[in-house]
Structures are given as structure tokens and as C-alpha cells.
Amino acid sequence: MKVLFMFGGLPHYYNLVLNRLNQVAGVEVVVVAPASQGKNVGAGVHQTEEGIEFKVFFLEEYQAFYGKTFFKGFKKLVRQQKPDIIVTCWPYVVGFIYNPSLLLLTKSLGIKLILKEIPFKVPAFQQAREFYAKGGLLSEDLQTNLNRDSLLFRMKYDIVTYTRKLYYNLMDAHVNYVEEAYDIIGSYGVDASKIFITYNSPDTDILLATKEKIKTLAPILPPTPRRLLHVGRLIKWKRVDMLIEVFSRLLQIYPDAELVIVGNGPEEENLKRQVNSLQLDEKVKFAGAIYDGETLGRYFMSASVYVLAGMGGLSINEAMCFDRPVVCSECDGTEKKLVREGYNGRYFEDGNPESLYDVLNTLLAKPEDLYTMGARSGEIIQNEVNIHTVIKGYIKAFNFVTENKYGLHYPSTS
């Protein structure tokens, strides 16, 4: 079975997932990605071809008449490759609606279509207009570019909603990261039998093996009971500025506390200026972007608690692989399956620095409890959300759309 994935780039973490999927007996993974810098990948997302074990076709993107990007020469590639399944995502899925010849081609070749998404910031059908009117759709810079009271705004998002209804029902199956997909996608008329929950995960086998190796190495930072860690792109919706603000207040109670920030991005200089203005240079360490798994793992292992002050996702999984407790708020929805209040982490009210302060103050007051919470994080990864749950979800979806023609099976000890 050949499965063609349409992606806006080659993010390092998902390459490893596709490698594992490509290793399943009977599955061949091929990927289509932009030939130049993709227009649908967030600022600072690390992309690489290193270590890829599947075939990649690089095609130029173009701006289609409906305002979204698509791939030049995609139909020609489909004719050449003749995949059994195409796994698409936003915004490329829209091309199957507004390009009838592409849809006819896939039908004539018997190609099945699967949509991959979280879903994130997708309202239920009945609440769509109210959701957008309240500013539910924001960019990474926390901006919305339409006057919510305008006729243009209402028209645009009515079109978005009904276009979504069309392409949701056009798909032969959906693979999603969160169980809320049953309600959200179901509200657009999609039968629950077509929805498969993969959850989202890096290759946890690699990370868990890395953790065991790190245990034999000297700590990358001197041990301390109150070290906070952030890992991720330095963009506005990560709210690292709020974390720094809260940390400055915590220092007044816990002068031994430290904050380590791993990542880079457009907000880096602003954040460094903030640290300097608060006279925190000796207490806040900017480690830069780290993509080496062992080095990054050593930073996780050096932390007392992992803090995600704004939007995010996989960094939670990564922290939990290294037995760290997690503090977060509303992220991309995947956190609900991972972080259990008071068990392996804590939640704070989204965007509320006072709430974040209260949560961290409580945790740092008893650093001896953080080890137990962190161990529970590791157990959740081992037993509930890991690379094996992702692959199993995909295999179920593939067998469903092909009516079990290939009889795919994914054995696992996990």
C-alpha cells in the first residue's frame, strides 16, 4: 500500500513518526512538500531532510484563486505515483473542493482521501459564526485581520464554515489528535465510524532510550530543586513574556529559582530585553534552539518542572518522556489527554499571570513532590500516549478506507 502525505514542510519531529509508519510491513510512505520555504509552516519551525527513510517529492506552491496555496504539478505526480491513499491537511484539503479535475482523478484511480488535523480552533458547525465573531481564530502574533462586526467578516466565515462541511464529508476518513473530534467533526455530518484518534506524539521510543543514556551522564546544569524550563519557538502565542514576568515575582520568594528558555524565534530579542530590564540576567538562561535529542533531553532532565505558558503541543510529550511534571493552560487540545490536574501537573487559567503565579508558587513550595508527579508523567507516556498509539491509529484508518484489502497489522509490545 502506498500512502502519499501532503505537508507544508518537513518538521523534524514528524519525520520520525513517518519513518516508523514506513517501517510497517505493507506500507510505503511518500511525501509531497514545498520546493521552497513553505507558506504554511510557523515561524521558526525546524525542518530537515536528515534521517528521512521515505521518498519526498518537492513541488512549488502557488496561490490558488480561492486564496490558499496548493502544489504545482500535483495531478501529474498523482498519476505517476498512483497512491492507494492520500493523507492531506489544511490548507491543501481545500484544493479537492475547488479543483474538480483533481477530485475526478482521485476517484478514477480509486484513491482514498484522509484528512489529518487536531482539530484546533475548529468550532462545531452550529457555533461557527459565534466562534469567529468572538475572535476565535488568531494568528501566532495574536492578531485577527478582519473587523468582526463587518459584513465581509460574516460572509468570509460563512464560506469557511460551509467549505469545511463540504471537504469534511468528501473525505473517506479522518485522523485526529483529540477525542473531541468526534463531536466537532461529527457536527458537520461526518459519521463517527470515519473518525480515528491517533493522538499526537514524537517517536517516544527514541526519547525513552535517550533518557536512559542521559542517566549515565553528568548533569548539563548544576542540580537545583527549583528550575523552570520552557522549550519552543519564541513567538507571541507561546507567552514566554508572561512566564518571565511571573518568574520575576517568584524569585522574591524563592531566590534559588532559575528559568531556562530553549528555543529561538522572532520574539527572542524582545524577551532578552525584558529579562535585562527586570535585572534577571543571572537567573534566566537563553540556551538557543536545540535540535540534538540528547542535548535537549539533558535540559529536560535538569528541570524541576516544565512550563508551557501559552500555545503548544509536542513539547509536553517530550517533557513527560523525561519524567517532568507539566504546568500549562489551554494549548492545542492534546494536553487534555496528557496532563492530569494535581497528578502529573497543574493547569492555570489561559492568559492569566496571577493564575500561573499561584500554580507555580504552590509547586515550588514543595519541590520534593515534583519527582513523584514527574514519574507519573513517564507512566502516561509508557502506557497511554506514545508512538505506538499514533501508528495503530493510522493503520486502523488505512484498513478502514481500503476495506482491509491489505490486512495491515501493527504488532507492538507497548
Protein backbone atom coordinates (compact mmCIF):
# COMPACT_ATOMS: atom_id res chain seq x y z
CA MET A 1 0.00 0.00 0.00
CA LYS A 2 1.35 3.40 -0.99
CA VAL A 3 0.33 6.37 1.16
CA LEU A 4 1.04 9.90 -0.06
CA PHE A 5 1.16 12.61 2.60
CA MET A 6 0.73 16.29 1.70
CA PHE A 7 2.66 18.51 4.09
CA GLY A 8 3.60 22.18 4.26
CA GLY A 9 7.14 21.25 5.30
CA LEU A 10 9.33 18.57 6.84
CA PRO A 11 9.27 19.26 10.59
CA HIS A 12 11.92 17.15 12.29
CA TYR A 13 9.59 15.58 14.84
CA TYR A 14 7.08 14.26 12.29
CA ASN A 15 9.77 12.87 10.02
CA LEU A 16 10.50 10.37 12.79
CA VAL A 17 6.83 9.40 13.00
CA LEU A 18 6.66 8.85 9.24
CA ASN A 19 9.84 6.76 9.41
CA ARG A 20 8.09 4.44 11.85
CA LEU A 21 4.96 4.29 9.70
CA ASN A 22 7.10 3.50 6.67
CA GLN A 23 8.57 0.54 8.58
CA VAL A 24 5.18 -1.16 8.96
CA ALA A 25 5.00 -4.22 6.73
CA GLY A 26 2.97 -3.44 3.61
CA VAL A 27 3.16 0.37 3.92
CA GLU A 28 5.18 2.68 1.67
CA VAL A 29 5.16 6.34 2.69
CA VAL A 30 5.80 9.12 0.18
CA VAL A 31 5.57 12.82 0.98
CA VAL A 32 4.87 15.94 -1.05
CA ALA A 33 6.40 19.11 0.42
CA PRO A 34 7.11 22.65 -0.83
CA ALA A 35 10.21 23.03 -3.01
CA SER A 36 10.99 26.35 -1.32
CA GLN A 37 10.11 27.78 2.09
CA GLY A 38 6.55 26.65 2.76
CA LYS A 39 3.89 29.27 3.35
CA ASN A 40 2.01 27.11 5.87
CA VAL A 41 4.70 26.42 8.45
CA GLY A 42 5.00 28.57 11.55
CA ALA A 43 7.94 30.91 12.12
CA GLY A 44 10.97 29.10 13.46
CA VAL A 45 9.73 25.53 12.95
CA HIS A 46 12.82 23.37 12.44
CA GLN A 47 12.74 21.44 9.18
CA THR A 48 15.25 18.89 7.95
CA GLU A 49 15.77 16.07 5.47
CA GLU A 50 18.31 14.42 7.76
CA GLY A 51 17.43 10.87 8.73
CA ILE A 52 14.44 10.58 6.40
CA GLU A 53 13.68 6.99 5.37
CA PHE A 54 10.84 7.74 2.95
CA LYS A 55 10.66 9.31 -0.50
CA VAL A 56 9.96 13.05 -0.72
CA PHE A 57 8.77 14.95 -3.80
CA PHE A 58 9.35 18.68 -3.68
CA LEU A 59 6.84 20.75 -5.65
CA GLU A 60 6.46 24.52 -5.92
CA GLU A 61 3.48 26.06 -4.18
CA TYR A 62 1.17 28.57 -5.83
CA GLN A 63 -1.63 30.79 -4.62
CA ALA A 64 -4.91 29.35 -5.90
CA PHE A 65 -7.89 31.50 -6.88
CA TYR A 66 -9.64 30.67 -3.59
CA GLY A 67 -6.81 32.28 -1.61
CA LYS A 68 -4.96 29.21 -0.32
CA THR A 69 -1.80 27.50 -1.51
CA PHE A 70 -1.57 24.27 -3.46
CA PHE A 71 1.15 22.31 -5.27
CA LYS A 72 2.04 22.84 -8.92
CA GLY A 73 2.15 19.57 -10.83
CA PHE A 74 0.33 17.65 -8.13
CA LYS A 75 -2.04 15.88 -10.52
CA LYS A 76 0.89 14.74 -12.67
CA LEU A 77 2.60 13.34 -9.59
CA VAL A 78 -0.56 11.51 -8.55
CA ARG A 79 -0.80 9.90 -11.98
CA GLN A 80 2.83 8.81 -11.74
CA GLN A 81 2.76 7.52 -8.17
CA LYS A 82 -0.78 6.10 -8.12
CA PRO A 83 -1.05 6.06 -4.32
CA ASP A 84 -3.73 4.00 -2.65
CA ILE A 85 -4.33 6.75 -0.10
CA ILE A 86 -3.70 10.49 0.05
CA VAL A 87 -3.41 11.97 3.54
CA THR A 88 -3.97 15.70 3.26
CA CYS A 89 -4.20 18.60 5.70
CA TRP A 90 -5.15 22.27 5.84
CA PRO A 91 -4.99 24.21 3.53
CA TYR A 92 -4.33 21.63 0.79
CA VAL A 93 -7.61 19.84 1.51
CA VAL A 94 -9.46 22.85 0.08
CA GLY A 95 -7.95 22.09 -3.32
CA PHE A 96 -10.00 18.91 -3.55
CA ILE A 97 -13.16 21.03 -3.32
CA TYR A 98 -12.25 23.83 -5.71
CA ASN A 99 -10.39 21.70 -8.28
CA PRO A 100 -12.97 19.25 -9.68
CA SER A 101 -10.50 17.68 -12.10
CA LEU A 102 -8.27 16.68 -9.17
CA LEU A 103 -11.19 15.12 -7.37
CA LEU A 104 -12.23 13.25 -10.52
CA LEU A 105 -8.67 11.99 -10.93
CA THR A 106 -8.55 10.55 -7.43
CA LYS A 107 -11.95 8.91 -7.93
CA SER A 108 -10.96 7.41 -11.29
CA LEU A 109 -7.79 5.93 -9.76
CA GLY A 110 -9.63 4.62 -6.72
CA ILE A 111 -7.55 6.75 -4.35
CA LYS A 112 -8.95 7.17 -0.85
CA LEU A 113 -8.71 10.54 0.91
CA ILE A 114 -7.89 11.04 4.59
CA LEU A 115 -7.78 14.39 6.38
CA LYS A 116 -5.24 14.80 9.18
CA GLU A 117 -5.82 17.52 11.78
CA ILE A 118 -6.05 18.09 15.52
CA PRO A 119 -8.74 19.74 15.11
CA PHE A 120 -7.60 23.04 16.65
CA LYS A 121 -9.64 26.23 16.79
CA VAL A 122 -12.36 24.50 14.77
CA PRO A 123 -15.86 25.27 16.07
CA ALA A 124 -18.80 22.90 15.96
CA PHE A 125 -20.94 23.63 12.91
CA GLN A 126 -23.78 25.19 14.90
CA GLN A 127 -21.46 27.55 16.80
CA ALA A 128 -19.21 28.56 13.90
CA ARG A 129 -20.43 32.13 13.33
CA GLU A 130 -20.43 32.95 17.05
CA PHE A 131 -16.95 31.43 17.43
CA TYR A 132 -15.43 33.58 14.69
CA ALA A 133 -17.34 36.69 15.79
CA LYS A 134 -15.70 36.37 19.21
CA GLY A 135 -12.25 36.28 17.62
CA GLY A 136 -11.69 32.55 17.93
CA LEU A 137 -9.26 32.49 15.02
CA LEU A 138 -5.97 34.22 15.84
CA SER A 139 -2.53 34.16 14.27
CA GLU A 140 0.73 33.26 16.03
CA ASP A 141 1.10 37.00 16.60
CA LEU A 142 -2.25 37.02 18.42
CA GLN A 143 -3.85 39.06 15.65
CA THR A 144 -7.08 38.82 13.66
CA ASN A 145 -7.28 40.82 10.42
CA LEU A 146 -10.98 41.44 9.93
CA ASN A 147 -13.49 43.72 11.60
CA ARG A 148 -15.67 41.21 13.40
CA ASP A 149 -18.76 43.40 13.00
CA SER A 150 -18.39 43.78 9.24
CA LEU A 151 -20.49 42.10 6.58
CA LEU A 152 -17.25 40.95 4.95
CA PHE A 153 -16.30 39.09 8.12
CA ARG A 154 -19.64 37.27 8.30
CA MET A 155 -19.55 36.37 4.61
CA LYS A 156 -15.97 35.09 4.78
CA TYR A 157 -16.55 32.83 7.72
CA ASP A 158 -19.87 31.55 6.42
CA ILE A 159 -17.95 30.48 3.31
CA VAL A 160 -15.24 28.93 5.51
CA THR A 161 -17.83 27.00 7.50
CA TYR A 162 -19.69 25.57 4.51
CA THR A 163 -16.45 24.81 2.68
CA ARG A 164 -15.34 22.88 5.75
CA LYS A 165 -18.63 20.98 5.77
CA LEU A 166 -18.04 20.03 2.11
CA TYR A 167 -14.49 18.78 2.50
CA TYR A 168 -15.16 17.04 5.80
CA ASN A 169 -17.83 14.94 4.12
CA LEU A 170 -15.73 14.42 1.00
CA MET A 171 -13.06 12.57 2.98
CA ASP A 172 -13.12 8.79 3.27
CA ALA A 173 -11.71 9.04 6.80
CA HIS A 174 -10.24 11.45 9.34
CA VAL A 175 -7.22 11.00 11.60
CA ASN A 176 -7.26 13.31 14.60
CA TYR A 177 -5.23 14.09 17.68
CA VAL A 178 -8.06 14.63 20.17
CA GLU A 179 -11.22 12.75 21.11
CA GLU A 180 -13.23 15.97 20.82
CA ALA A 181 -13.01 15.35 17.07
CA TYR A 182 -15.98 13.01 17.35
CA ASP A 183 -18.20 15.90 18.45
CA ILE A 184 -16.60 18.65 16.34
CA ILE A 185 -16.32 16.81 13.03
CA GLY A 186 -19.50 14.90 13.74
CA SER A 187 -21.39 18.21 13.92
CA TYR A 188 -20.62 18.69 10.21
CA GLY A 189 -22.38 15.43 9.36
CA VAL A 190 -19.42 13.02 9.41
CA ASP A 191 -20.20 9.55 10.76
CA ALA A 192 -18.18 8.55 13.82
CA SER A 193 -17.01 5.37 12.06
CA LYS A 194 -14.86 7.54 9.77
CA ILE A 195 -13.02 9.25 12.63
CA PHE A 196 -9.82 7.72 14.02
CA ILE A 197 -7.94 9.11 17.01
CA THR A 198 -4.17 8.77 16.70
CA TYR A 199 -3.28 11.31 19.39
CA ASN A 200 -0.05 13.19 18.76
CA SER A 201 3.36 12.00 19.76
CA PRO A 202 7.02 12.18 18.82
CA ASP A 203 8.92 8.91 18.49
CA THR A 204 8.79 8.12 22.19
CA ASP A 205 10.94 5.00 21.81
CA ILE A 206 13.85 7.22 20.78
CA LEU A 207 13.23 9.69 23.61
CA LEU A 208 12.88 6.99 26.28
CA ALA A 209 16.12 5.36 25.13
CA THR A 210 17.78 8.78 25.23
CA LYS A 211 16.57 9.26 28.80
CA GLU A 212 18.25 6.03 29.90
CA LYS A 213 21.52 7.11 28.29
CA ILE A 214 21.36 10.56 29.91
CA LYS A 215 21.09 8.95 33.34
CA THR A 216 24.69 7.80 32.89
CA LEU A 217 25.95 11.30 32.01
CA ALA A 218 26.88 14.25 34.18
CA PRO A 219 24.10 16.88 34.51
CA ILE A 220 24.20 19.60 31.87
CA LEU A 221 23.40 22.16 34.60
CA PRO A 222 24.13 22.07 38.34
CA PRO A 223 21.29 20.35 40.24
CA THR A 224 18.79 22.67 41.88
CA PRO A 225 15.30 22.00 43.29
CA ARG A 226 13.54 24.91 41.60
CA ARG A 227 14.45 25.15 37.91
CA LEU A 228 11.69 26.03 35.43
CA LEU A 229 12.08 25.11 31.76
CA HIS A 230 10.45 26.37 28.55
CA VAL A 231 11.11 24.65 25.21
CA GLY A 232 9.66 26.01 21.99
CA ARG A 233 9.66 28.70 19.35
CA LEU A 234 9.90 32.21 20.70
CA ILE A 235 6.73 33.67 19.24
CA LYS A 236 3.98 35.71 20.86
CA TRP A 237 1.43 32.98 21.38
CA LYS A 238 3.90 30.92 23.43
CA ARG A 239 3.58 33.69 26.09
CA VAL A 240 7.17 33.39 27.28
CA ASP A 241 6.92 37.07 28.21
CA MET A 242 4.26 36.18 30.77
CA LEU A 243 6.40 33.36 32.13
CA ILE A 244 9.33 35.76 32.62
CA GLU A 245 7.06 38.27 34.35
CA VAL A 246 5.75 35.60 36.74
CA PHE A 247 9.23 34.20 37.33
CA SER A 248 10.49 37.63 38.43
CA ARG A 249 7.85 37.63 41.18
CA LEU A 250 8.60 34.04 42.23
CA LEU A 251 12.25 34.97 42.76
CA GLN A 252 11.21 37.22 45.63
CA ILE A 253 10.04 34.10 47.49
CA TYR A 254 12.44 31.53 46.05
CA PRO A 255 15.78 33.25 45.41
CA ASP A 256 17.31 29.90 44.38
CA ALA A 257 14.85 29.51 41.46
CA GLU A 258 16.07 29.51 37.86
CA LEU A 259 14.44 29.73 34.43
CA VAL A 260 15.88 28.12 31.30
CA ILE A 261 14.48 29.06 27.89
CA VAL A 262 15.26 26.74 24.97
CA GLY A 263 14.31 27.95 21.50
CA ASN A 264 14.61 30.84 19.10
CA GLY A 265 12.27 32.95 17.03
CA PRO A 266 11.09 36.48 16.23
CA GLU A 267 10.45 37.37 19.89
CA GLU A 268 13.91 36.41 21.15
CA GLU A 269 15.38 39.92 21.32
CA ASN A 270 12.25 41.33 22.95
CA LEU A 271 12.41 38.61 25.60
CA LYS A 272 16.09 39.25 26.27
CA ARG A 273 15.37 42.95 26.70
CA GLN A 274 12.58 42.07 29.12
CA VAL A 275 14.95 39.89 31.15
CA ASN A 276 17.53 42.66 31.22
CA SER A 277 15.01 45.31 32.26
CA LEU A 278 13.89 43.09 35.16
CA GLN A 279 17.54 42.51 36.13
CA LEU A 280 17.17 38.76 35.72
CA ASP A 281 20.25 38.08 33.60
CA GLU A 282 21.83 35.91 36.31
CA LYS A 283 18.66 33.87 36.78
CA VAL A 284 17.33 33.37 33.23
CA LYS A 285 19.35 31.34 30.74
CA PHE A 286 18.65 31.52 27.00
CA ALA A 287 20.01 28.24 25.62
CA GLY A 288 19.05 28.89 21.99
CA ALA A 289 17.41 26.40 19.65
CA ILE A 290 18.46 22.80 20.34
CA TYR A 291 17.63 20.00 17.90
CA ASP A 292 20.05 17.36 19.13
CA GLY A 293 17.90 14.91 21.07
CA GLU A 294 20.48 14.06 23.70
CA THR A 295 21.33 17.69 24.48
CA LEU A 296 17.68 18.68 24.64
CA GLY A 297 16.94 15.68 26.84
CA ARG A 298 19.67 16.73 29.25
CA TYR A 299 17.98 20.12 29.63
CA PHE A 300 14.66 18.40 30.35
CA MET A 301 16.36 16.18 32.94
CA SER A 302 17.89 19.25 34.59
CA ALA A 303 14.49 20.89 35.14
CA SER A 304 12.21 20.61 38.15
CA VAL A 305 9.09 21.42 36.18
CA TYR A 306 8.24 22.11 32.55
CA VAL A 307 6.15 25.24 31.96
CA LEU A 308 4.18 25.99 28.81
CA ALA A 309 2.77 29.46 29.36
CA GLY A 310 0.98 29.74 26.01
CA MET A 311 0.16 27.67 22.97
CA GLY A 312 1.98 24.45 22.24
CA GLY A 313 1.76 20.71 21.95
CA LEU A 314 4.56 18.19 21.49
CA SER A 315 6.89 19.81 24.00
CA ILE A 316 4.52 18.47 26.66
CA ASN A 317 5.01 14.91 25.37
CA GLU A 318 8.77 15.43 25.30
CA ALA A 319 8.90 16.74 28.86
CA MET A 320 6.83 13.79 30.05
CA CYS A 321 9.18 11.33 28.30
CA PHE A 322 11.89 12.68 30.61
CA ASP A 323 9.70 12.32 33.73
CA ARG A 324 8.94 16.01 34.19
CA PRO A 325 5.75 17.42 35.71
CA VAL A 326 3.99 19.89 33.41
CA VAL A 327 2.31 23.25 34.00
CA CYS A 328 0.16 24.51 31.14
CA SER A 329 -3.16 26.10 30.26
CA GLU A 330 -5.31 25.64 27.17
CA CYS A 331 -2.88 24.59 24.44
CA ASP A 332 -3.87 22.82 21.22
CA GLY A 333 -6.20 20.32 22.90
CA THR A 334 -3.71 17.46 23.08
CA GLU A 335 -2.74 18.45 26.62
CA LYS A 336 -6.07 17.13 27.96
CA LYS A 337 -5.01 13.54 27.35
CA LEU A 338 -1.56 14.10 28.84
CA VAL A 339 -1.72 16.41 31.85
CA ARG A 340 -3.95 15.46 34.79
CA GLU A 341 -4.60 18.17 37.35
CA GLY A 342 -2.68 17.53 40.55
CA TYR A 343 -1.47 14.13 39.32
CA ASN A 344 1.40 14.80 36.92
CA GLY A 345 0.98 18.54 36.52
CA ARG A 346 -1.18 21.58 37.03
CA TYR A 347 -3.36 23.81 34.86
CA PHE A 348 -3.62 27.58 35.11
CA GLU A 349 -6.18 29.92 33.59
CA ASP A 350 -5.30 30.74 29.99
CA GLY A 351 -3.51 34.09 29.67
CA ASN A 352 -3.78 34.86 33.40
CA PRO A 353 -0.40 35.64 35.03
CA GLU A 354 -1.92 35.59 38.54
CA SER A 355 -3.18 32.06 37.98
CA LEU A 356 0.21 30.95 36.64
CA TYR A 357 1.91 32.56 39.63
CA ASP A 358 -0.36 30.77 42.10
CA VAL A 359 0.20 27.37 40.46
CA LEU A 360 3.98 27.72 40.31
CA ASN A 361 4.16 29.13 43.83
CA THR A 362 2.31 26.07 45.14
CA LEU A 363 4.58 23.65 43.28
CA LEU A 364 7.86 25.35 44.15
CA ALA A 365 6.87 25.42 47.83
CA LYS A 366 7.17 21.61 47.85
CA PRO A 367 9.84 20.67 45.31
CA GLU A 368 10.07 17.20 46.85
CA ASP A 369 6.62 16.40 45.37
CA LEU A 370 7.73 17.19 41.82
CA TYR A 371 9.66 13.93 41.48
CA THR A 372 6.53 11.85 42.10
CA MET A 373 4.48 13.92 39.67
CA GLY A 374 7.20 13.59 37.06
CA ALA A 375 7.33 9.81 37.42
CA ARG A 376 3.60 9.73 36.70
CA SER A 377 4.22 11.69 33.51
CA GLY A 378 6.58 8.95 32.36
CA GLU A 379 3.98 6.28 33.11
CA ILE A 380 1.36 8.07 30.99
CA ILE A 381 3.77 8.10 28.05
CA GLN A 382 4.66 4.44 28.52
CA ASN A 383 1.07 3.26 28.83
CA GLU A 384 -1.26 5.68 27.05
CA VAL A 385 0.11 8.17 24.50
CA ASN A 386 3.19 7.21 22.54
CA ILE A 387 4.48 6.43 19.06
CA HIS A 388 2.61 3.11 19.09
CA THR A 389 -0.80 4.73 19.65
CA VAL A 390 -0.11 7.01 16.68
CA ILE A 391 0.87 4.19 14.32
CA LYS A 392 -2.03 1.99 15.45
CA GLY A 393 -4.46 4.84 14.74
CA TYR A 394 -3.12 5.31 11.23
CA ILE A 395 -3.23 1.57 10.49
CA LYS A 396 -6.86 1.38 11.60
CA ALA A 397 -7.73 4.28 9.29
CA PHE A 398 -5.82 2.76 6.37
CA ASN A 399 -7.55 -0.61 6.81
CA PHE A 400 -10.93 1.13 7.05
CA VAL A 401 -10.69 3.13 3.82
CA THR A 402 -9.28 0.17 1.85
CA GLU A 403 -11.85 -2.22 3.37
CA ASN A 404 -8.99 -4.23 4.84
CA LYS A 405 -7.71 -5.08 1.37
CA TYR A 406 -4.11 -5.17 2.57
CA GLY A 407 -4.76 -6.60 6.03
CA LEU A 408 -2.27 -4.27 7.68
CA HIS A 409 -1.22 -5.15 11.20
CA TYR A 410 0.96 -3.28 13.66
CA PRO A 411 2.45 -5.51 16.38
CA SER A 412 3.68 -3.73 19.46
CA THR A 413 4.84 -4.56 22.94
CA SER A 414 3.62 -1.18 24.18
